[in-house]
Amino acid sequence: MVDVVVERGYEAATVEEIVERAGVTRAEFDRRFAGKEDCVLKAYEAFIGHFEYTVGSAYDSQPAWPANLRAAAYACAEWMIEHPNLMRFGAVEVLFAESEMVRVRRDEVARFCANLIAAGREEVRDSTAVPDSADLMATGSILQLLTHRLEQGGEVDLVAMVPHMMYVAVRPYLGEEIAREELTAPRPTPRAQS
């Protein structure tokens, strides 16, 4: 499903192509899935848990925000590099799915990422000075930038994008000066296990 959708585009991909690529019969597909939309949802579900575990573990590897957010951002970039078709499928192609459940799950992944950013509120003396939607605005900006670059085609240097994403995420919480430091901040090293 993922490979066919990425190669052909969501709307052009057909169940017949998916079945042929998977090397199964149409009857087997119909036994497992209610249709293309159901297959898309199940394919999406199959990798979301791994993505969230990878990013969440990197986040937990650092003692404080924003270093833990930076570690998560690099883990996210590396996961996307290691799984280019899954990344394109999850970031771009599922936008064309008709299934409300697919959109709900995509929003839940965005909320997972936003929650990592929202932890910055604990670093602010006056949390009321930070807009309630700062985490969602930062996440939306980052997703929009990523989606736009993917839709343009060509190579996207995801690791090189991390400092800019960190700048966007940190600025509402810690201000311009500290956010600018993210543009040159070193990548966090994992903490030693105790």
N, C-alpha and C. Protein backbone atom coordinates (compact mmCIF):
# COMPACT_ATOMS: atom_id res chain seq x y z
N MET A 1 0.83 -1.19 0.00
CA MET A 1 0.00 0.00 0.00
C MET A 1 0.87 1.25 0.00
N VAL A 2 1.78 1.33 0.93
CA VAL A 2 2.60 2.54 1.07
C VAL A 2 3.40 2.79 -0.20
N ASP A 3 4.09 1.78 -0.70
CA ASP A 3 4.92 1.98 -1.89
C ASP A 3 4.10 2.37 -3.11
N VAL A 4 2.97 1.72 -3.32
CA VAL A 4 2.13 2.04 -4.47
C VAL A 4 1.59 3.47 -4.36
N VAL A 5 1.12 3.84 -3.19
CA VAL A 5 0.58 5.18 -2.99
C VAL A 5 1.65 6.24 -3.19
N VAL A 6 2.85 6.00 -2.68
CA VAL A 6 3.93 6.97 -2.84
C VAL A 6 4.34 7.09 -4.30
N GLU A 7 4.41 5.97 -4.99
CA GLU A 7 4.82 5.99 -6.40
C GLU A 7 3.76 6.59 -7.31
N ARG A 8 2.50 6.28 -7.09
CA ARG A 8 1.43 6.66 -8.01
C ARG A 8 0.62 7.86 -7.53
N GLY A 9 0.70 8.16 -6.24
CA GLY A 9 -0.17 9.18 -5.67
C GLY A 9 -1.40 8.51 -5.11
N TYR A 10 -1.94 9.07 -4.05
CA TYR A 10 -3.06 8.43 -3.36
C TYR A 10 -4.24 8.17 -4.29
N GLU A 11 -4.65 9.18 -4.99
CA GLU A 11 -5.86 9.05 -5.80
C GLU A 11 -5.69 8.09 -6.96
N ALA A 12 -4.49 8.00 -7.54
CA ALA A 12 -4.26 7.13 -8.69
C ALA A 12 -4.03 5.68 -8.28
N ALA A 13 -3.59 5.44 -7.06
CA ALA A 13 -3.32 4.07 -6.61
C ALA A 13 -4.61 3.27 -6.56
N THR A 14 -4.55 2.06 -7.07
CA THR A 14 -5.74 1.20 -7.08
C THR A 14 -5.51 -0.04 -6.24
N VAL A 15 -6.60 -0.63 -5.82
CA VAL A 15 -6.53 -1.88 -5.07
C VAL A 15 -5.87 -2.95 -5.92
N GLU A 16 -6.14 -2.97 -7.21
CA GLU A 16 -5.55 -3.96 -8.11
C GLU A 16 -4.02 -3.87 -8.09
N GLU A 17 -3.48 -2.64 -8.11
CA GLU A 17 -2.03 -2.47 -8.06
C GLU A 17 -1.47 -2.91 -6.71
N ILE A 18 -2.19 -2.60 -5.66
CA ILE A 18 -1.75 -2.97 -4.31
C ILE A 18 -1.71 -4.48 -4.17
N VAL A 19 -2.75 -5.14 -4.65
CA VAL A 19 -2.84 -6.60 -4.59
C VAL A 19 -1.71 -7.22 -5.39
N GLU A 20 -1.48 -6.70 -6.59
CA GLU A 20 -0.41 -7.24 -7.43
C GLU A 20 0.95 -7.08 -6.76
N ARG A 21 1.21 -5.89 -6.22
CA ARG A 21 2.50 -5.63 -5.56
C ARG A 21 2.69 -6.52 -4.34
N ALA A 22 1.61 -6.73 -3.59
CA ALA A 22 1.69 -7.55 -2.38
C ALA A 22 1.76 -9.04 -2.69
N GLY A 23 1.41 -9.41 -3.92
CA GLY A 23 1.46 -10.82 -4.29
C GLY A 23 0.35 -11.64 -3.63
N VAL A 24 -0.81 -11.01 -3.44
CA VAL A 24 -1.96 -11.71 -2.85
C VAL A 24 -3.14 -11.60 -3.82
N THR A 25 -4.13 -12.37 -3.55
CA THR A 25 -5.33 -12.32 -4.39
C THR A 25 -6.25 -11.20 -3.92
N ARG A 26 -7.14 -10.80 -4.80
CA ARG A 26 -8.14 -9.79 -4.43
C ARG A 26 -9.02 -10.31 -3.30
N ALA A 27 -9.30 -11.61 -3.32
CA ALA A 27 -10.12 -12.21 -2.26
C ALA A 27 -9.41 -12.08 -0.91
N GLU A 28 -8.10 -12.27 -0.89
CA GLU A 28 -7.34 -12.13 0.36
C GLU A 28 -7.38 -10.67 0.83
N PHE A 29 -7.22 -9.74 -0.08
CA PHE A 29 -7.30 -8.32 0.27
C PHE A 29 -8.68 -8.02 0.87
N ASP A 30 -9.72 -8.48 0.19
CA ASP A 30 -11.09 -8.21 0.65
C ASP A 30 -11.37 -8.86 2.01
N ARG A 31 -10.71 -9.97 2.29
CA ARG A 31 -10.88 -10.63 3.58
C ARG A 31 -10.26 -9.79 4.70
N ARG A 32 -9.17 -9.11 4.40
CA ARG A 32 -8.44 -8.35 5.41
C ARG A 32 -8.87 -6.88 5.53
N PHE A 33 -9.35 -6.32 4.44
CA PHE A 33 -9.65 -4.88 4.42
C PHE A 33 -11.03 -4.63 3.84
N ALA A 34 -11.68 -3.60 4.33
CA ALA A 34 -12.99 -3.21 3.81
C ALA A 34 -12.86 -2.45 2.49
N GLY A 35 -11.66 -2.08 2.12
CA GLY A 35 -11.41 -1.34 0.88
C GLY A 35 -10.10 -0.58 0.99
N LYS A 36 -9.86 0.27 0.01
CA LYS A 36 -8.61 1.04 -0.04
C LYS A 36 -8.44 1.91 1.20
N GLU A 37 -9.50 2.59 1.62
CA GLU A 37 -9.41 3.48 2.79
C GLU A 37 -9.04 2.70 4.06
N ASP A 38 -9.63 1.54 4.22
CA ASP A 38 -9.32 0.71 5.39
C ASP A 38 -7.87 0.24 5.34
N CYS A 39 -7.39 -0.10 4.16
CA CYS A 39 -6.00 -0.52 4.00
C CYS A 39 -5.05 0.63 4.33
N VAL A 40 -5.41 1.83 3.90
CA VAL A 40 -4.60 3.01 4.21
C VAL A 40 -4.52 3.21 5.72
N LEU A 41 -5.64 3.14 6.39
CA LEU A 41 -5.67 3.32 7.84
C LEU A 41 -4.81 2.27 8.53
N LYS A 42 -4.94 1.04 8.14
CA LYS A 42 -4.16 -0.03 8.79
C LYS A 42 -2.67 0.10 8.50
N ALA A 43 -2.33 0.54 7.29
CA ALA A 43 -0.92 0.77 6.97
C ALA A 43 -0.36 1.91 7.83
N TYR A 44 -1.16 2.95 7.97
CA TYR A 44 -0.75 4.10 8.78
C TYR A 44 -0.58 3.70 10.24
N GLU A 45 -1.55 2.96 10.76
CA GLU A 45 -1.49 2.49 12.15
C GLU A 45 -0.26 1.62 12.39
N ALA A 46 0.13 0.86 11.36
CA ALA A 46 1.24 -0.08 11.53
C ALA A 46 2.56 0.60 11.86
N PHE A 47 2.75 1.85 11.42
CA PHE A 47 4.04 2.48 11.71
C PHE A 47 3.98 3.64 12.69
N ILE A 48 2.81 4.11 13.04
CA ILE A 48 2.70 5.24 13.98
C ILE A 48 3.33 4.90 15.34
N GLY A 49 3.03 3.72 15.85
CA GLY A 49 3.56 3.33 17.16
C GLY A 49 5.07 3.34 17.19
N HIS A 50 5.69 2.82 16.14
CA HIS A 50 7.16 2.79 16.07
C HIS A 50 7.72 4.21 16.02
N PHE A 51 7.09 5.07 15.23
CA PHE A 51 7.52 6.46 15.14
C PHE A 51 7.45 7.14 16.51
N GLU A 52 6.31 7.02 17.17
CA GLU A 52 6.14 7.69 18.47
C GLU A 52 7.08 7.13 19.53
N TYR A 53 7.33 5.83 19.50
CA TYR A 53 8.26 5.23 20.45
C TYR A 53 9.68 5.77 20.22
N THR A 54 10.09 5.82 18.96
CA THR A 54 11.44 6.30 18.62
C THR A 54 11.63 7.74 19.06
N VAL A 55 10.69 8.59 18.72
CA VAL A 55 10.79 10.01 19.05
C VAL A 55 10.65 10.23 20.56
N GLY A 56 9.70 9.53 21.17
CA GLY A 56 9.49 9.66 22.62
C GLY A 56 10.70 9.20 23.42
N SER A 57 11.35 8.13 22.98
CA SER A 57 12.55 7.64 23.68
C SER A 57 13.68 8.65 23.60
N ALA A 58 13.84 9.27 22.44
CA ALA A 58 14.87 10.30 22.30
C ALA A 58 14.56 11.49 23.21
N TYR A 59 13.30 11.87 23.26
CA TYR A 59 12.88 12.97 24.13
C TYR A 59 13.22 12.64 25.59
N ASP A 60 12.92 11.43 26.00
CA ASP A 60 13.18 11.01 27.39
C ASP A 60 14.66 10.86 27.70
N SER A 61 15.51 10.87 26.68
CA SER A 61 16.95 10.66 26.90
C SER A 61 17.65 11.90 27.44
N GLN A 62 16.96 13.03 27.48
CA GLN A 62 17.58 14.28 27.93
C GLN A 62 16.89 14.78 29.19
N PRO A 63 17.63 15.48 30.06
CA PRO A 63 17.07 15.87 31.35
C PRO A 63 16.13 17.07 31.33
N ALA A 64 16.22 17.92 30.31
CA ALA A 64 15.43 19.15 30.38
C ALA A 64 15.09 19.67 28.98
N TRP A 65 14.05 20.49 28.96
CA TRP A 65 13.61 21.15 27.73
C TRP A 65 14.45 22.40 27.52
N PRO A 66 14.97 22.74 26.40
CA PRO A 66 14.66 22.24 25.07
C PRO A 66 15.59 21.15 24.55
N ALA A 67 16.60 20.72 25.34
CA ALA A 67 17.50 19.67 24.86
C ALA A 67 16.73 18.39 24.54
N ASN A 68 15.72 18.06 25.35
CA ASN A 68 14.97 16.84 25.05
C ASN A 68 14.14 17.00 23.78
N LEU A 69 13.63 18.20 23.53
CA LEU A 69 12.90 18.45 22.29
C LEU A 69 13.85 18.36 21.10
N ARG A 70 15.04 18.89 21.25
CA ARG A 70 16.05 18.82 20.18
C ARG A 70 16.41 17.37 19.88
N ALA A 71 16.60 16.56 20.92
CA ALA A 71 16.90 15.13 20.72
C ALA A 71 15.76 14.45 19.98
N ALA A 72 14.53 14.78 20.35
CA ALA A 72 13.35 14.21 19.67
C ALA A 72 13.30 14.66 18.21
N ALA A 73 13.63 15.91 17.95
CA ALA A 73 13.60 16.43 16.58
C ALA A 73 14.62 15.70 15.69
N TYR A 74 15.82 15.47 16.23
CA TYR A 74 16.82 14.73 15.45
C TYR A 74 16.39 13.28 15.25
N ALA A 75 15.80 12.67 16.27
CA ALA A 75 15.30 11.30 16.12
C ALA A 75 14.20 11.24 15.07
N CYS A 76 13.35 12.23 15.06
CA CYS A 76 12.27 12.32 14.07
C CYS A 76 12.87 12.42 12.67
N ALA A 77 13.84 13.30 12.49
CA ALA A 77 14.48 13.47 11.18
C ALA A 77 15.13 12.16 10.73
N GLU A 78 15.84 11.50 11.64
CA GLU A 78 16.49 10.24 11.27
C GLU A 78 15.49 9.15 10.94
N TRP A 79 14.38 9.10 11.69
CA TRP A 79 13.34 8.11 11.39
C TRP A 79 12.80 8.35 9.99
N MET A 80 12.59 9.60 9.66
CA MET A 80 12.06 9.93 8.33
C MET A 80 13.06 9.57 7.22
N ILE A 81 14.34 9.77 7.49
CA ILE A 81 15.38 9.41 6.52
C ILE A 81 15.42 7.89 6.32
N GLU A 82 15.31 7.15 7.42
CA GLU A 82 15.34 5.69 7.35
C GLU A 82 14.09 5.11 6.70
N HIS A 83 12.99 5.84 6.73
CA HIS A 83 11.70 5.36 6.21
C HIS A 83 11.10 6.39 5.25
N PRO A 84 11.76 6.65 4.12
CA PRO A 84 11.29 7.74 3.25
C PRO A 84 9.88 7.54 2.71
N ASN A 85 9.52 6.33 2.35
CA ASN A 85 8.17 6.13 1.83
C ASN A 85 7.12 6.28 2.92
N LEU A 86 7.43 5.79 4.12
CA LEU A 86 6.49 5.96 5.23
C LEU A 86 6.33 7.44 5.56
N MET A 87 7.43 8.17 5.51
CA MET A 87 7.39 9.60 5.81
C MET A 87 6.52 10.33 4.80
N ARG A 88 6.73 10.08 3.52
CA ARG A 88 5.93 10.75 2.49
C ARG A 88 4.46 10.31 2.59
N PHE A 89 4.25 9.04 2.82
CA PHE A 89 2.89 8.51 2.97
C PHE A 89 2.17 9.21 4.12
N GLY A 90 2.84 9.29 5.28
CA GLY A 90 2.22 9.86 6.48
C GLY A 90 2.11 11.37 6.47
N ALA A 91 3.04 12.05 5.79
CA ALA A 91 3.03 13.51 5.80
C ALA A 91 2.24 14.12 4.65
N VAL A 92 2.20 13.44 3.50
CA VAL A 92 1.58 14.03 2.33
C VAL A 92 0.40 13.21 1.82
N GLU A 93 0.64 11.94 1.52
CA GLU A 93 -0.38 11.16 0.81
C GLU A 93 -1.66 10.94 1.61
N VAL A 94 -1.55 10.79 2.93
CA VAL A 94 -2.79 10.56 3.70
C VAL A 94 -3.68 11.80 3.73
N LEU A 95 -3.16 12.94 3.31
CA LEU A 95 -4.00 14.14 3.23
C LEU A 95 -5.13 13.96 2.21
N PHE A 96 -4.93 13.04 1.27
CA PHE A 96 -5.92 12.81 0.22
C PHE A 96 -6.91 11.71 0.57
N ALA A 97 -6.71 11.05 1.70
CA ALA A 97 -7.61 9.97 2.10
C ALA A 97 -8.99 10.52 2.42
N GLU A 98 -9.99 9.78 2.08
CA GLU A 98 -11.37 10.19 2.36
C GLU A 98 -11.80 9.79 3.76
N SER A 99 -11.09 8.86 4.34
CA SER A 99 -11.44 8.34 5.66
C SER A 99 -11.24 9.38 6.76
N GLU A 100 -12.28 9.64 7.50
CA GLU A 100 -12.18 10.55 8.64
C GLU A 100 -11.22 9.99 9.68
N MET A 101 -11.20 8.69 9.83
CA MET A 101 -10.33 8.06 10.83
C MET A 101 -8.85 8.27 10.50
N VAL A 102 -8.50 8.27 9.22
CA VAL A 102 -7.11 8.53 8.82
C VAL A 102 -6.73 9.95 9.22
N ARG A 103 -7.62 10.89 8.97
CA ARG A 103 -7.34 12.29 9.35
C ARG A 103 -7.25 12.43 10.87
N VAL A 104 -8.10 11.72 11.59
CA VAL A 104 -8.05 11.76 13.06
C VAL A 104 -6.71 11.23 13.55
N ARG A 105 -6.26 10.12 13.00
CA ARG A 105 -4.97 9.55 13.44
C ARG A 105 -3.82 10.48 13.09
N ARG A 106 -3.87 11.13 11.92
CA ARG A 106 -2.81 12.08 11.56
C ARG A 106 -2.81 13.23 12.55
N ASP A 107 -3.99 13.70 12.93
CA ASP A 107 -4.08 14.77 13.92
C ASP A 107 -3.53 14.32 15.27
N GLU A 108 -3.75 13.07 15.64
CA GLU A 108 -3.23 12.55 16.90
C GLU A 108 -1.71 12.49 16.90
N VAL A 109 -1.11 12.17 15.76
CA VAL A 109 0.35 12.18 15.67
C VAL A 109 0.85 13.62 15.81
N ALA A 110 0.16 14.55 15.18
CA ALA A 110 0.53 15.97 15.31
C ALA A 110 0.39 16.42 16.77
N ARG A 111 -0.65 15.96 17.47
CA ARG A 111 -0.85 16.30 18.88
C ARG A 111 0.28 15.72 19.73
N PHE A 112 0.72 14.49 19.42
CA PHE A 112 1.85 13.88 20.13
C PHE A 112 3.07 14.81 20.03
N CYS A 113 3.35 15.28 18.82
CA CYS A 113 4.49 16.18 18.62
C CYS A 113 4.27 17.52 19.32
N ALA A 114 3.06 18.03 19.24
CA ALA A 114 2.74 19.30 19.90
C ALA A 114 2.91 19.21 21.41
N ASN A 115 2.59 18.08 21.99
CA ASN A 115 2.75 17.90 23.44
C ASN A 115 4.21 17.98 23.85
N LEU A 116 5.11 17.52 23.00
CA LEU A 116 6.54 17.63 23.30
C LEU A 116 6.96 19.10 23.30
N ILE A 117 6.41 19.85 22.40
CA ILE A 117 6.69 21.29 22.34
C ILE A 117 6.05 22.01 23.52
N ALA A 118 4.83 21.62 23.85
CA ALA A 118 4.08 22.29 24.94
C ALA A 118 4.77 22.18 26.28
N ALA A 119 5.64 21.21 26.45
CA ALA A 119 6.37 21.09 27.71
C ALA A 119 7.23 22.32 27.98
N GLY A 120 7.48 23.11 26.96
CA GLY A 120 8.22 24.35 27.13
C GLY A 120 7.52 25.35 28.04
N ARG A 121 6.23 25.20 28.19
CA ARG A 121 5.46 26.08 29.08
C ARG A 121 5.99 26.01 30.52
N GLU A 122 6.51 24.86 30.90
CA GLU A 122 7.05 24.70 32.26
C GLU A 122 8.35 25.48 32.46
N GLU A 123 8.96 25.91 31.37
CA GLU A 123 10.23 26.66 31.44
C GLU A 123 10.01 28.17 31.52
N VAL A 124 8.78 28.59 31.40
CA VAL A 124 8.45 30.02 31.35
C VAL A 124 8.01 30.51 32.72
N ARG A 125 8.51 31.65 33.13
CA ARG A 125 8.11 32.22 34.43
C ARG A 125 6.63 32.52 34.47
N ASP A 126 6.14 33.16 33.42
CA ASP A 126 4.73 33.53 33.34
C ASP A 126 4.12 32.79 32.15
N SER A 127 3.56 31.62 32.41
CA SER A 127 3.03 30.79 31.32
C SER A 127 1.84 31.45 30.63
N THR A 128 1.21 32.43 31.28
CA THR A 128 0.09 33.11 30.62
C THR A 128 0.59 34.02 29.49
N ALA A 129 1.89 34.30 29.46
CA ALA A 129 2.46 35.13 28.40
C ALA A 129 2.59 34.35 27.08
N VAL A 130 2.48 33.04 27.17
CA VAL A 130 2.59 32.19 25.98
C VAL A 130 1.18 31.85 25.51
N PRO A 131 0.87 32.10 24.24
CA PRO A 131 -0.48 31.78 23.74
C PRO A 131 -0.81 30.30 23.98
N ASP A 132 -2.06 30.03 24.29
CA ASP A 132 -2.49 28.65 24.53
C ASP A 132 -2.19 27.74 23.36
N SER A 133 -2.23 28.27 22.18
CA SER A 133 -2.05 27.45 20.98
C SER A 133 -0.62 27.48 20.44
N ALA A 134 0.35 27.93 21.23
CA ALA A 134 1.73 28.04 20.75
C ALA A 134 2.27 26.70 20.26
N ASP A 135 1.95 25.62 20.98
CA ASP A 135 2.44 24.30 20.58
C ASP A 135 1.84 23.86 19.25
N LEU A 136 0.54 24.12 19.08
CA LEU A 136 -0.13 23.73 17.83
C LEU A 136 0.33 24.60 16.66
N MET A 137 0.57 25.88 16.92
CA MET A 137 1.05 26.76 15.86
C MET A 137 2.44 26.34 15.41
N ALA A 138 3.31 26.00 16.35
CA ALA A 138 4.66 25.56 16.00
C ALA A 138 4.60 24.24 15.23
N THR A 139 3.80 23.31 15.71
CA THR A 139 3.67 22.01 15.04
C THR A 139 3.11 22.19 13.64
N GLY A 140 2.08 23.00 13.52
CA GLY A 140 1.49 23.27 12.21
C GLY A 140 2.47 23.91 11.25
N SER A 141 3.27 24.84 11.74
CA SER A 141 4.27 25.50 10.90
C SER A 141 5.30 24.50 10.41
N ILE A 142 5.75 23.65 11.31
CA ILE A 142 6.75 22.64 10.96
C ILE A 142 6.17 21.64 9.96
N LEU A 143 4.96 21.16 10.20
CA LEU A 143 4.33 20.21 9.27
C LEU A 143 4.10 20.85 7.91
N GLN A 144 3.68 22.10 7.91
CA GLN A 144 3.45 22.80 6.65
C GLN A 144 4.75 22.94 5.87
N LEU A 145 5.82 23.32 6.53
CA LEU A 145 7.13 23.45 5.88
C LEU A 145 7.57 22.11 5.31
N LEU A 146 7.46 21.06 6.10
CA LEU A 146 7.86 19.73 5.66
C LEU A 146 7.01 19.27 4.48
N THR A 147 5.70 19.41 4.59
CA THR A 147 4.80 18.99 3.51
C THR A 147 5.08 19.76 2.23
N HIS A 148 5.28 21.06 2.36
CA HIS A 148 5.57 21.89 1.19
C HIS A 148 6.85 21.43 0.50
N ARG A 149 7.88 21.18 1.27
CA ARG A 149 9.16 20.76 0.66
C ARG A 149 9.03 19.38 0.02
N LEU A 150 8.27 18.49 0.64
CA LEU A 150 8.08 17.16 0.06
C LEU A 150 7.27 17.24 -1.24
N GLU A 151 6.27 18.09 -1.27
CA GLU A 151 5.44 18.22 -2.46
C GLU A 151 6.22 18.83 -3.62
N GLN A 152 7.23 19.64 -3.33
CA GLN A 152 8.05 20.23 -4.37
C GLN A 152 8.93 19.19 -5.04
N GLY A 153 9.16 18.08 -4.37
CA GLY A 153 10.03 17.04 -4.91
C GLY A 153 11.48 17.35 -4.63
N GLY A 154 12.33 16.48 -5.08
CA GLY A 154 13.76 16.67 -4.86
C GLY A 154 14.15 16.26 -3.46
N GLU A 155 15.41 16.43 -3.16
CA GLU A 155 15.95 16.04 -1.86
C GLU A 155 15.58 17.05 -0.78
N VAL A 156 15.24 16.55 0.38
CA VAL A 156 14.96 17.38 1.54
C VAL A 156 15.94 16.95 2.62
N ASP A 157 16.81 17.87 3.06
CA ASP A 157 17.78 17.57 4.10
C ASP A 157 17.11 17.75 5.46
N LEU A 158 16.53 16.67 5.94
CA LEU A 158 15.74 16.73 7.17
C LEU A 158 16.58 17.08 8.39
N VAL A 159 17.79 16.57 8.47
CA VAL A 159 18.65 16.89 9.61
C VAL A 159 19.01 18.37 9.61
N ALA A 160 19.26 18.92 8.43
CA ALA A 160 19.58 20.35 8.34
C ALA A 160 18.38 21.22 8.71
N MET A 161 17.17 20.68 8.60
CA MET A 161 15.97 21.45 8.95
C MET A 161 15.76 21.53 10.47
N VAL A 162 16.37 20.63 11.24
CA VAL A 162 16.12 20.57 12.69
C VAL A 162 16.38 21.90 13.39
N PRO A 163 17.53 22.57 13.19
CA PRO A 163 17.73 23.84 13.90
C PRO A 163 16.64 24.87 13.61
N HIS A 164 16.16 24.91 12.38
CA HIS A 164 15.11 25.87 12.02
C HIS A 164 13.78 25.49 12.68
N MET A 165 13.51 24.19 12.72
CA MET A 165 12.30 23.73 13.40
C MET A 165 12.37 24.03 14.90
N MET A 166 13.56 23.85 15.47
CA MET A 166 13.73 24.15 16.90
C MET A 166 13.54 25.63 17.17
N TYR A 167 14.04 26.46 16.28
CA TYR A 167 13.84 27.90 16.43
C TYR A 167 12.34 28.22 16.50
N VAL A 168 11.57 27.66 15.58
CA VAL A 168 10.12 27.88 15.54
C VAL A 168 9.46 27.38 16.82
N ALA A 169 9.88 26.23 17.32
CA ALA A 169 9.26 25.63 18.49
C ALA A 169 9.62 26.35 19.79
N VAL A 170 10.85 26.81 19.91
CA VAL A 170 11.34 27.39 21.17
C VAL A 170 10.96 28.86 21.33
N ARG A 171 10.89 29.58 20.24
CA ARG A 171 10.68 31.03 20.31
C ARG A 171 9.48 31.48 21.15
N PRO A 172 8.30 30.87 21.01
CA PRO A 172 7.17 31.35 21.81
C PRO A 172 7.36 31.17 23.32
N TYR A 173 8.20 30.24 23.70
CA TYR A 173 8.38 29.92 25.12
C TYR A 173 9.56 30.66 25.75
N LEU A 174 10.69 30.68 25.04
CA LEU A 174 11.91 31.23 25.64
C LEU A 174 12.39 32.51 24.99
N GLY A 175 11.70 32.98 23.97
CA GLY A 175 12.04 34.26 23.35
C GLY A 175 13.02 34.14 22.20
N GLU A 176 13.19 35.27 21.55
CA GLU A 176 14.00 35.35 20.33
C GLU A 176 15.46 34.98 20.57
N GLU A 177 16.06 35.53 21.63
CA GLU A 177 17.49 35.31 21.86
C GLU A 177 17.82 33.83 22.05
N ILE A 178 17.09 33.15 22.89
CA ILE A 178 17.35 31.73 23.14
C ILE A 178 16.96 30.90 21.92
N ALA A 179 15.90 31.28 21.23
CA ALA A 179 15.49 30.56 20.02
C ALA A 179 16.60 30.64 18.97
N ARG A 180 17.25 31.78 18.85
CA ARG A 180 18.35 31.93 17.88
C ARG A 180 19.51 31.00 18.23
N GLU A 181 19.72 30.73 19.51
CA GLU A 181 20.78 29.81 19.92
C GLU A 181 20.52 28.40 19.37
N GLU A 182 19.25 28.06 19.15
CA GLU A 182 18.91 26.75 18.59
C GLU A 182 19.45 26.58 17.17
N LEU A 183 19.68 27.67 16.49
CA LEU A 183 20.19 27.59 15.12
C LEU A 183 21.61 27.04 15.06
N THR A 184 22.32 27.12 16.19
CA THR A 184 23.70 26.60 16.23
C THR A 184 23.91 25.61 17.38
N ALA A 185 22.87 25.23 18.07
CA ALA A 185 22.99 24.34 19.22
C ALA A 185 23.47 22.95 18.77
N PRO A 186 24.37 22.35 19.55
CA PRO A 186 24.84 21.01 19.19
C PRO A 186 23.75 19.96 19.42
N ARG A 187 23.87 18.91 18.71
CA ARG A 187 22.95 17.80 18.89
C ARG A 187 23.20 17.18 20.25
N PRO A 188 22.13 16.93 21.02
CA PRO A 188 22.32 16.32 22.35
C PRO A 188 22.87 14.90 22.24
N THR A 189 23.70 14.55 23.21
CA THR A 189 24.18 13.16 23.28
C THR A 189 23.33 12.44 24.31
N PRO A 190 23.05 11.17 24.07
CA PRO A 190 22.22 10.43 25.03
C PRO A 190 22.86 10.39 26.42
N ARG A 191 22.00 10.45 27.43
CA ARG A 191 22.48 10.36 28.82
C ARG A 191 22.93 8.93 29.09
N ALA A 192 23.92 8.79 29.95
CA ALA A 192 24.34 7.46 30.38
C ALA A 192 23.25 6.84 31.25
N GLN A 193 23.00 5.58 31.03
CA GLN A 193 22.00 4.88 31.84
C GLN A 193 22.53 4.66 33.25
N SER A 194 21.70 4.89 34.25
CA SER A 194 22.17 4.69 35.63
C SER A 194 21.58 3.43 36.20
